[in-house]
Amino acid sequence: MEVPKFLLGDNTDYPNAIFIVHTEFPRFIINLENDEVEWLEEFSKEDEAELDAETQNVIEAATAFYDREVSRYND
């Protein structure tokens, strides 16, 4: 099965939260309600330097994905 890079999720236990799941390295879930990130990877010290540099980019891409998806619902 091919899985998209980003998945949009919600949960009735968290009525105000909107979750974006990033399925590629570095895998994470971000809650757009409060920008909290849950990493689904364990990182080595070497990975942490790359992660710091890349974190902002992947979070911006996740937010852009959400904006694109919402705009498609509104069309």
Protein backbone atom coordinates (compact mmCIF):
# COMPACT_ATOMS: atom_id res chain seq x y z
CA MET A 1 0.00 0.00 0.00
CA GLU A 2 1.23 3.47 -0.84
CA VAL A 3 0.64 5.99 1.95
CA PRO A 4 0.53 9.76 1.36
CA LYS A 5 3.26 11.91 2.88
CA PHE A 6 0.67 13.73 5.05
CA LEU A 7 -2.58 12.52 6.58
CA LEU A 8 -5.26 14.70 8.16
CA GLY A 9 -6.87 13.38 11.34
CA ASP A 10 -9.31 14.30 14.05
CA ASN A 11 -10.67 12.67 17.16
CA THR A 12 -13.90 13.41 19.05
CA ASP A 13 -11.99 13.15 22.35
CA TYR A 14 -10.13 16.30 21.22
CA PRO A 15 -12.87 18.39 19.60
CA ASN A 16 -10.70 21.45 18.91
CA ALA A 17 -7.61 19.58 17.73
CA ILE A 18 -6.62 18.99 14.13
CA PHE A 19 -3.84 16.45 13.64
CA ILE A 20 -1.47 16.16 10.70
CA VAL A 21 0.51 12.92 10.47
CA HIS A 22 3.80 13.04 8.56
CA THR A 23 4.50 9.49 7.34
CA GLU A 24 8.05 9.95 6.04
CA PHE A 25 11.27 10.49 7.98
CA PRO A 26 11.15 12.20 10.36
CA ARG A 27 7.71 10.79 11.19
CA PHE A 28 5.60 12.91 13.53
CA ILE A 29 2.12 14.02 14.47
CA ILE A 30 1.43 17.73 14.93
CA ASN A 31 -1.62 19.12 16.66
CA LEU A 32 -2.40 22.34 14.81
CA GLU A 33 -4.49 23.59 17.74
CA ASN A 34 -1.37 24.16 19.85
CA ASP A 35 1.54 23.22 17.51
CA GLU A 36 2.52 20.35 19.81
CA VAL A 37 4.64 17.76 17.98
CA GLU A 38 4.87 14.07 18.86
CA TRP A 39 7.86 12.41 17.18
CA LEU A 40 7.35 8.82 16.02
CA GLU A 41 11.09 8.25 15.63
CA GLU A 42 14.00 7.82 17.97
CA PHE A 43 16.93 10.00 17.01
CA SER A 44 20.66 9.56 17.38
CA LYS A 45 22.88 12.52 18.22
CA GLU A 46 23.79 12.75 14.52
CA ASP A 47 20.11 12.81 13.54
CA GLU A 48 19.33 15.57 16.05
CA ALA A 49 21.48 18.11 14.20
CA GLU A 50 19.70 17.33 10.93
CA LEU A 51 16.35 17.30 12.70
CA ASP A 52 16.87 20.77 14.14
CA ALA A 53 17.58 22.11 10.67
CA GLU A 54 14.66 20.31 9.03
CA THR A 55 11.95 20.64 11.71
CA GLN A 56 10.75 24.08 10.68
CA ASN A 57 10.54 23.02 7.02
CA VAL A 58 8.44 19.90 7.64
CA ILE A 59 6.11 21.71 10.04
CA GLU A 60 5.57 24.46 7.47
CA ALA A 61 4.89 21.77 4.85
CA ALA A 62 2.36 20.12 7.19
CA THR A 63 0.59 23.44 7.70
CA ALA A 64 0.57 24.09 3.94
CA PHE A 65 -0.92 20.62 3.42
CA TYR A 66 -3.71 21.43 5.88
CA ASP A 67 -4.42 24.78 4.21
CA ARG A 68 -4.59 23.06 0.80
CA GLU A 69 -6.94 20.36 2.07
CA VAL A 70 -9.28 22.88 3.72
CA SER A 71 -9.37 25.01 0.58
CA ARG A 72 -10.44 21.96 -1.42
CA TYR A 73 -13.35 21.35 0.95
CA ASN A 74 -14.43 24.96 0.57
CA ASP A 75 -14.45 24.91 -3.24
